[in-house]
PDB file of N, CA and C in Angstrom:
ATOM      1  N   MET A   1       0.863  -1.329   0.104  1.00  0.00           N
ATOM      2  CA  MET A   1      -0.051   0.126  -0.080  1.00  0.00           C
ATOM      3  C   MET A   1       1.084   1.304  -0.002  1.00  0.00           C
ATOM      4  N   SER A   2       0.567   2.383  -0.752  1.00  0.00           N
ATOM      5  CA  SER A   2       1.323   3.484  -0.873  1.00  0.00           C
ATOM      6  C   SER A   2       0.819   4.360   0.428  1.00  0.00           C
ATOM      7  N   ARG A   3       1.595   5.205   0.599  1.00  0.00           N
ATOM      8  CA  ARG A   3       1.247   6.007   1.810  1.00  0.00           C
ATOM      9  C   ARG A   3       1.468   7.629   0.972  1.00  0.00           C
ATOM     10  N   LEU A   4       0.275   8.383   1.584  1.00  0.00           N
ATOM     11  CA  LEU A   4       0.497   9.852   1.101  1.00  0.00           C
ATOM     12  C   LEU A   4       1.428  10.392   2.319  1.00  0.00           C
ATOM     13  N   TYR A   5       2.471  11.023   1.793  1.00  0.00           N
ATOM     14  CA  TYR A   5       3.301  11.857   2.938  1.00  0.00           C
ATOM     15  C   TYR A   5       3.154  13.574   2.754  1.00  0.00           C
ATOM     16  N   LEU A   6       2.694  14.014   3.844  1.00  0.00           N
ATOM     17  CA  LEU A   6       2.826  15.462   3.692  1.00  0.00           C
ATOM     18  C   LEU A   6       3.926  16.341   4.407  1.00  0.00           C
ATOM     19  N   LEU A   7       4.224  17.443   3.646  1.00  0.00           N
ATOM     20  CA  LEU A   7       5.348  18.354   3.949  1.00  0.00           C
ATOM     21  C   LEU A   7       4.766  19.184   5.140  1.00  0.00           C
ATOM     22  N   ASP A   8       3.962  19.351   5.417  1.00  0.00           N
ATOM     23  CA  ASP A   8       3.531  20.120   6.538  1.00  0.00           C
ATOM     24  C   ASP A   8       2.842  19.522   7.762  1.00  0.00           C
ATOM     25  N   PRO A   9       3.798  19.681   9.109  1.00  0.00           N
ATOM     26  CA  PRO A   9       3.085  18.626  10.128  1.00  0.00           C
ATOM     27  C   PRO A   9       1.857  19.244  10.521  1.00  0.00           C
ATOM     28  N   ASN A  10       1.340  20.501  10.510  1.00  0.00           N
ATOM     29  CA  ASN A  10       0.184  21.311  10.785  1.00  0.00           C
ATOM     30  C   ASN A  10      -0.836  20.546   9.958  1.00  0.00           C
ATOM     31  N   ASP A  11      -0.811  19.960   8.307  1.00  0.00           N
ATOM     32  CA  ASP A  11      -1.480  19.111   8.003  1.00  0.00           C
ATOM     33  C   ASP A  11      -1.900  18.076   8.356  1.00  0.00           C
ATOM     34  N   PHE A  12      -0.920  17.444   8.936  1.00  0.00           N
ATOM     35  CA  PHE A  12      -1.097  15.961   9.367  1.00  0.00           C
ATOM     36  C   PHE A  12      -1.589  16.242  10.942  1.00  0.00           C
ATOM     37  N   ALA A  13      -1.809  17.057  11.329  1.00  0.00           N
ATOM     38  CA  ALA A  13      -2.285  17.295  12.993  1.00  0.00           C
ATOM     39  C   ALA A  13      -3.712  17.460  12.811  1.00  0.00           C
ATOM     40  N   THR A  14      -3.915  17.715  11.298  1.00  0.00           N
ATOM     41  CA  THR A  14      -5.512  18.016  11.215  1.00  0.00           C
ATOM     42  C   THR A  14      -6.128  16.687  10.485  1.00  0.00           C
ATOM     43  N   THR A  15      -5.463  15.820  10.052  1.00  0.00           N
ATOM     44  CA  THR A  15      -5.774  14.327   9.198  1.00  0.00           C
ATOM     45  C   THR A  15      -5.811  13.331  10.014  1.00  0.00           C
ATOM     46  N   THR A  16      -7.054  12.706  10.175  1.00  0.00           N
ATOM     47  CA  THR A  16      -7.220  11.224  10.790  1.00  0.00           C
ATOM     48  C   THR A  16      -7.075   9.928   9.874  1.00  0.00           C
ATOM     49  N   SER A  17      -6.689  10.354   8.610  1.00  0.00           N
ATOM     50  CA  SER A  17      -6.624   8.938   7.708  1.00  0.00           C
ATOM     51  C   SER A  17      -5.301   8.483   8.325  1.00  0.00           C
ATOM     52  N   PRO A  18      -5.432   7.075   8.294  1.00  0.00           N
ATOM     53  CA  PRO A  18      -4.026   6.118   8.495  1.00  0.00           C
ATOM     54  C   PRO A  18      -3.186   6.011   6.969  1.00  0.00           C
ATOM     55  N   GLU A  19      -3.643   6.319   5.865  1.00  0.00           N
ATOM     56  CA  GLU A  19      -2.780   6.229   4.763  1.00  0.00           C
ATOM     57  C   GLU A  19      -2.253   7.560   4.591  1.00  0.00           C
ATOM     58  N   VAL A  20      -2.105   8.610   5.535  1.00  0.00           N
ATOM     59  CA  VAL A  20      -1.383   9.982   5.551  1.00  0.00           C
ATOM     60  C   VAL A  20      -0.773  10.004   6.669  1.00  0.00           C
ATOM     61  N   ALA A  21       1.012  10.189   6.211  1.00  0.00           N
ATOM     62  CA  ALA A  21       1.901  10.366   7.600  1.00  0.00           C
ATOM     63  C   ALA A  21       2.595  11.427   7.348  1.00  0.00           C
ATOM     64  N   TYR A  22       3.230  12.072   8.421  1.00  0.00           N
ATOM     65  CA  TYR A  22       4.249  13.434   8.256  1.00  0.00           C
ATOM     66  C   TYR A  22       5.284  12.496   8.250  1.00  0.00           C
ATOM     67  N   ASP A  23       6.659  12.666   7.890  1.00  0.00           N
ATOM     68  CA  ASP A  23       7.962  12.413   7.963  1.00  0.00           C
ATOM     69  C   ASP A  23       8.639  13.419   7.835  1.00  0.00           C
ATOM     70  N   ALA A  24       9.651  13.641   8.798  1.00  0.00           N
ATOM     71  CA  ALA A  24      10.586  15.081   8.817  1.00  0.00           C
ATOM     72  C   ALA A  24      11.592  14.788   7.809  1.00  0.00           C
ATOM     73  N   ARG A  25      11.706  13.529   7.503  1.00  0.00           N
ATOM     74  CA  ARG A  25      12.736  13.253   6.525  1.00  0.00           C
ATOM     75  C   ARG A  25      12.505  13.672   5.043  1.00  0.00           C
ATOM     76  N   VAL A  26      10.888  13.883   4.838  1.00  0.00           N
ATOM     77  CA  VAL A  26      10.183  14.093   3.554  1.00  0.00           C
ATOM     78  C   VAL A  26      10.291  15.725   3.470  1.00  0.00           C
ATOM     79  N   GLN A  27       9.840  16.474   4.435  1.00  0.00           N
ATOM     80  CA  GLN A  27      10.050  17.935   4.508  1.00  0.00           C
ATOM     81  C   GLN A  27      11.496  18.642   4.572  1.00  0.00           C
ATOM     82  N   THR A  28      12.487  17.940   5.356  1.00  0.00           N
ATOM     83  CA  THR A  28      13.856  18.169   5.331  1.00  0.00           C
ATOM     84  C   THR A  28      14.442  17.862   3.846  1.00  0.00           C
ATOM     85  N   ALA A  29      14.020  16.906   3.009  1.00  0.00           N
ATOM     86  CA  ALA A  29      14.508  16.764   1.519  1.00  0.00           C
ATOM     87  C   ALA A  29      13.697  17.838   0.818  1.00  0.00           C
ATOM     88  N   TYR A  30      12.495  18.548   1.098  1.00  0.00           N
ATOM     89  CA  TYR A  30      12.289  19.277   0.275  1.00  0.00           C
ATOM     90  C   TYR A  30      12.790  20.278   0.376  1.00  0.00           C
ATOM     91  N   LEU A  31      13.358  21.047   1.520  1.00  0.00           N
ATOM     92  CA  LEU A  31      13.490  21.908   1.956  1.00  0.00           C
ATOM     93  C   LEU A  31      15.504  22.434   1.240  1.00  0.00           C
ATOM     94  N   LEU A  32      16.077  21.096   1.421  1.00  0.00           N
ATOM     95  CA  LEU A  32      17.199  20.836   0.777  1.00  0.00           C
ATOM     96  C   LEU A  32      17.232  20.981  -0.486  1.00  0.00           C
ATOM     97  N   SER A  33      16.092  20.633  -1.284  1.00  0.00           N
ATOM     98  CA  SER A  33      16.033  20.666  -2.541  1.00  0.00           C
ATOM     99  C   SER A  33      15.797  22.085  -3.167  1.00  0.00           C
ATOM    100  N   LEU A  34      15.270  22.588  -2.262  1.00  0.00           N
ATOM    101  CA  LEU A  34      15.064  24.242  -2.584  1.00  0.00           C
ATOM    102  C   LEU A  34      15.937  24.833  -2.561  1.00  0.00           C
ATOM    103  N   GLN A  35      16.981  24.395  -1.935  1.00  0.00           N
ATOM    104  CA  GLN A  35      18.269  24.950  -1.546  1.00  0.00           C
ATOM    105  C   GLN A  35      19.531  24.217  -2.681  1.00  0.00           C
ATOM    106  N   GLY A  36      19.090  23.698  -3.576  1.00  0.00           N
ATOM    107  CA  GLY A  36      19.781  23.326  -4.735  1.00  0.00           C
ATOM    108  C   GLY A  36      20.304  21.877  -4.503  1.00  0.00           C
ATOM    109  N   HIS A  37      20.200  21.387  -3.447  1.00  0.00           N
ATOM    110  CA  HIS A  37      20.658  19.608  -3.685  1.00  0.00           C
ATOM    111  C   HIS A  37      19.665  18.571  -4.417  1.00  0.00           C
ATOM    112  N   HIS A  38      20.422  17.578  -4.751  1.00  0.00           N
ATOM    113  CA  HIS A  38      19.853  16.977  -5.988  1.00  0.00           C
ATOM    114  C   HIS A  38      19.390  15.684  -5.417  1.00  0.00           C
ATOM    115  N   ALA A  39      18.565  14.969  -6.278  1.00  0.00           N
ATOM    116  CA  ALA A  39      17.958  13.780  -5.402  1.00  0.00           C
ATOM    117  C   ALA A  39      18.811  12.433  -5.327  1.00  0.00           C
ATOM    118  N   ASP A  40      19.827  12.443  -5.832  1.00  0.00           N
ATOM    119  CA  ASP A  40      20.864  11.468  -6.071  1.00  0.00           C
ATOM    120  C   ASP A  40      21.481  11.686  -4.933  1.00  0.00           C
ATOM    121  N   TRP A  41      21.657  12.993  -4.098  1.00  0.00           N
ATOM    122  CA  TRP A  41      22.118  12.970  -2.978  1.00  0.00           C
ATOM    123  C   TRP A  41      21.363  13.055  -1.761  1.00  0.00           C
ATOM    124  N   LEU A  42      19.942  13.358  -1.738  1.00  0.00           N
ATOM    125  CA  LEU A  42      18.987  13.372  -0.751  1.00  0.00           C
ATOM    126  C   LEU A  42      18.962  12.104  -0.340  1.00  0.00           C
ATOM    127  N   ALA A  43      18.637  10.792  -1.158  1.00  0.00           N
ATOM    128  CA  ALA A  43      18.059   9.672  -1.140  1.00  0.00           C
ATOM    129  C   ALA A  43      18.892   8.939  -0.151  1.00  0.00           C
ATOM    130  N   PRO A  44      20.488   8.876  -0.296  1.00  0.00           N
ATOM    131  CA  PRO A  44      21.221   8.257   0.601  1.00  0.00           C
ATOM    132  C   PRO A  44      21.214   9.123   2.092  1.00  0.00           C
ATOM    133  N   TYR A  45      21.375  10.491   2.082  1.00  0.00           N
ATOM    134  CA  TYR A  45      21.718  11.161   3.138  1.00  0.00           C
ATOM    135  C   TYR A  45      20.432  10.851   3.757  1.00  0.00           C
ATOM    136  N   LEU A  46      19.062  10.896   3.533  1.00  0.00           N
ATOM    137  CA  LEU A  46      18.196  11.187   4.427  1.00  0.00           C
ATOM    138  C   LEU A  46      17.316   9.824   4.489  1.00  0.00           C
ATOM    139  N   ASP A  47      18.305   8.797   3.737  1.00  0.00           N
ATOM    140  CA  ASP A  47      17.647   7.625   4.060  1.00  0.00           C
ATOM    141  C   ASP A  47      16.183   7.430   3.280  1.00  0.00           C
ATOM    142  N   LEU A  48      16.174   8.135   2.045  1.00  0.00           N
ATOM    143  CA  LEU A  48      14.810   7.908   1.603  1.00  0.00           C
ATOM    144  C   LEU A  48      15.040   7.118   0.141  1.00  0.00           C
ATOM    145  N   PRO A  49      13.855   6.361  -0.308  1.00  0.00           N
ATOM    146  CA  PRO A  49      13.925   5.423  -1.440  1.00  0.00           C
ATOM    147  C   PRO A  49      14.289   6.464  -2.528  1.00  0.00           C
ATOM    148  N   ALA A  50      15.123   6.185  -3.767  1.00  0.00           N
ATOM    149  CA  ALA A  50      15.574   7.440  -4.779  1.00  0.00           C
ATOM    150  C   ALA A  50      14.421   7.646  -5.373  1.00  0.00           C
ATOM    151  N   GLU A  51      13.451   7.179  -5.534  1.00  0.00           N
ATOM    152  CA  GLU A  51      12.128   7.306  -6.499  1.00  0.00           C
ATOM    153  C   GLU A  51      11.405   8.318  -5.514  1.00  0.00           C
ATOM    154  N   ALA A  52      11.436   8.424  -4.458  1.00  0.00           N
ATOM    155  CA  ALA A  52      10.606   9.327  -3.438  1.00  0.00           C
ATOM    156  C   ALA A  52      11.838  10.732  -3.556  1.00  0.00           C
ATOM    157  N   ALA A  53      13.236  10.423  -3.324  1.00  0.00           N
ATOM    158  CA  ALA A  53      13.803  11.640  -3.322  1.00  0.00           C
ATOM    159  C   ALA A  53      13.813  12.262  -4.766  1.00  0.00           C
ATOM    160  N   ARG A  54      13.619  11.961  -5.759  1.00  0.00           N
ATOM    161  CA  ARG A  54      13.186  12.111  -7.227  1.00  0.00           C
ATOM    162  C   ARG A  54      12.085  13.187  -7.175  1.00  0.00           C
ATOM    163  N   THR A  55      11.363  12.397  -6.538  1.00  0.00           N
ATOM    164  CA  THR A  55       9.528  13.107  -6.637  1.00  0.00           C
ATOM    165  C   THR A  55       9.586  14.524  -5.538  1.00  0.00           C
ATOM    166  N   ILE A  56      10.204  14.401  -4.577  1.00  0.00           N
ATOM    167  CA  ILE A  56      10.392  15.483  -3.720  1.00  0.00           C
ATOM    168  C   ILE A  56      11.337  16.432  -4.514  1.00  0.00           C
ATOM    169  N   ALA A  57      12.057  16.261  -4.962  1.00  0.00           N
ATOM    170  CA  ALA A  57      13.299  17.232  -5.987  1.00  0.00           C
ATOM    171  C   ALA A  57      12.671  17.940  -7.010  1.00  0.00           C
ATOM    172  N   GLU A  58      11.668  16.914  -7.617  1.00  0.00           N
ATOM    173  CA  GLU A  58      10.855  17.713  -8.798  1.00  0.00           C
ATOM    174  C   GLU A  58       9.933  18.705  -8.509  1.00  0.00           C
ATOM    175  N   HIS A  59       9.275  18.625  -7.305  1.00  0.00           N
ATOM    176  CA  HIS A  59       8.041  19.296  -6.721  1.00  0.00           C
ATOM    177  C   HIS A  59       8.577  20.435  -6.228  1.00  0.00           C
ATOM    178  N   ALA A  60      10.025  20.338  -5.551  1.00  0.00           N
ATOM    179  CA  ALA A  60      10.581  21.535  -4.940  1.00  0.00           C
ATOM    180  C   ALA A  60      11.078  22.546  -6.380  1.00  0.00           C
ATOM    181  N   GLU A  61      11.521  21.933  -7.428  1.00  0.00           N
ATOM    182  CA  GLU A  61      12.042  22.750  -8.977  1.00  0.00           C
ATOM    183  C   GLU A  61      10.801  23.143  -9.045  1.00  0.00           C
ATOM    184  N   ARG A  62       9.882  22.714  -9.124  1.00  0.00           N
ATOM    185  CA  ARG A  62       8.491  23.394  -9.629  1.00  0.00           C
ATOM    186  C   ARG A  62       7.956  24.519  -8.984  1.00  0.00           C
ATOM    187  N   SER A  63       8.349  24.317  -7.790  1.00  0.00           N
ATOM    188  CA  SER A  63       7.804  25.409  -6.761  1.00  0.00           C
ATOM    189  C   SER A  63       8.893  26.543  -6.803  1.00  0.00           C
ATOM    190  N   GLY A  64      10.205  26.611  -7.327  1.00  0.00           N
ATOM    191  CA  GLY A  64      11.058  27.425  -7.227  1.00  0.00           C
ATOM    192  C   GLY A  64      11.642  27.723  -5.969  1.00  0.00           C
ATOM    193  N   PRO A  65      12.922  28.544  -5.678  1.00  0.00           N
ATOM    194  CA  PRO A  65      13.459  28.806  -4.957  1.00  0.00           C
ATOM    195  C   PRO A  65      13.058  29.411  -3.644  1.00  0.00           C
ATOM    196  N   ALA A  66      11.690  29.826  -3.526  1.00  0.00           N
ATOM    197  CA  ALA A  66      10.956  30.377  -2.617  1.00  0.00           C
ATOM    198  C   ALA A  66      10.093  29.556  -1.919  1.00  0.00           C
ATOM    199  N   GLY A  67       9.969  28.431  -2.732  1.00  0.00           N
ATOM    200  CA  GLY A  67       8.862  27.708  -2.303  1.00  0.00           C
ATOM    201  C   GLY A  67       7.411  27.684  -2.706  1.00  0.00           C
ATOM    202  N   PRO A  68       6.719  27.041  -2.346  1.00  0.00           N
ATOM    203  CA  PRO A  68       5.056  27.119  -2.925  1.00  0.00           C
ATOM    204  C   PRO A  68       4.475  28.403  -2.957  1.00  0.00           C
ATOM    205  N   ALA A  69       4.927  29.333  -1.940  1.00  0.00           N
ATOM    206  CA  ALA A  69       4.262  30.464  -1.865  1.00  0.00           C
ATOM    207  C   ALA A  69       4.760  31.368  -2.643  1.00  0.00           C
ATOM    208  N   ALA A  70       5.449  31.055  -3.392  1.00  0.00           N
ATOM    209  CA  ALA A  70       5.977  31.984  -4.806  1.00  0.00           C
ATOM    210  C   ALA A  70       5.089  31.856  -5.819  1.00  0.00           C
ATOM    211  N   ARG A  71       4.307  30.813  -5.983  1.00  0.00           N
ATOM    212  CA  ARG A  71       3.474  30.421  -7.261  1.00  0.00           C
ATOM    213  C   ARG A  71       2.420  31.479  -7.352  1.00  0.00           C
ATOM    214  N   PRO A  72       2.376  31.684  -8.623  1.00  0.00           N
ATOM    215  CA  PRO A  72       0.635  32.333  -8.827  1.00  0.00           C
ATOM    216  C   PRO A  72      -0.299  31.185  -8.255  1.00  0.00           C
ATOM    217  N   PRO A  73      -1.499  32.050  -7.810  1.00  0.00           N
ATOM    218  CA  PRO A  73      -2.813  31.085  -7.608  1.00  0.00           C
ATOM    219  C   PRO A  73      -3.229  30.892  -8.589  1.00  0.00           C
ATOM    220  N   ARG A  74      -3.830  28.913  -8.578  1.00  0.00           N
ATOM    221  CA  ARG A  74      -4.362  28.253  -9.537  1.00  0.00           C
ATOM    222  C   ARG A  74      -5.793  29.153  -9.889  1.00  0.00           C
ATOM    223  N   ARG A  75      -6.124  29.122 -10.925  1.00  0.00           N
ATOM    224  CA  ARG A  75      -7.540  29.599 -11.464  1.00  0.00           C
ATOM    225  C   ARG A  75      -8.114  28.671 -12.288  1.00  0.00           C
TER     226      ARG A  75
END
């Protein structure tokens, strides 16, 4: 079974679904990705699966260096 990981611990606190988890390594990987670290470094450094590190790094790249708050709102 796959699990949805949240980047924000506050989101996790409001969720009761057992399929959702907060993992500090995921948030750390995201923040380090925003700072320019690559998935091939993140995976072993944070003990994450390579595919998870790639997904997190891709998400961070789409968000830009300032994070998701810098993106224009969806319409």
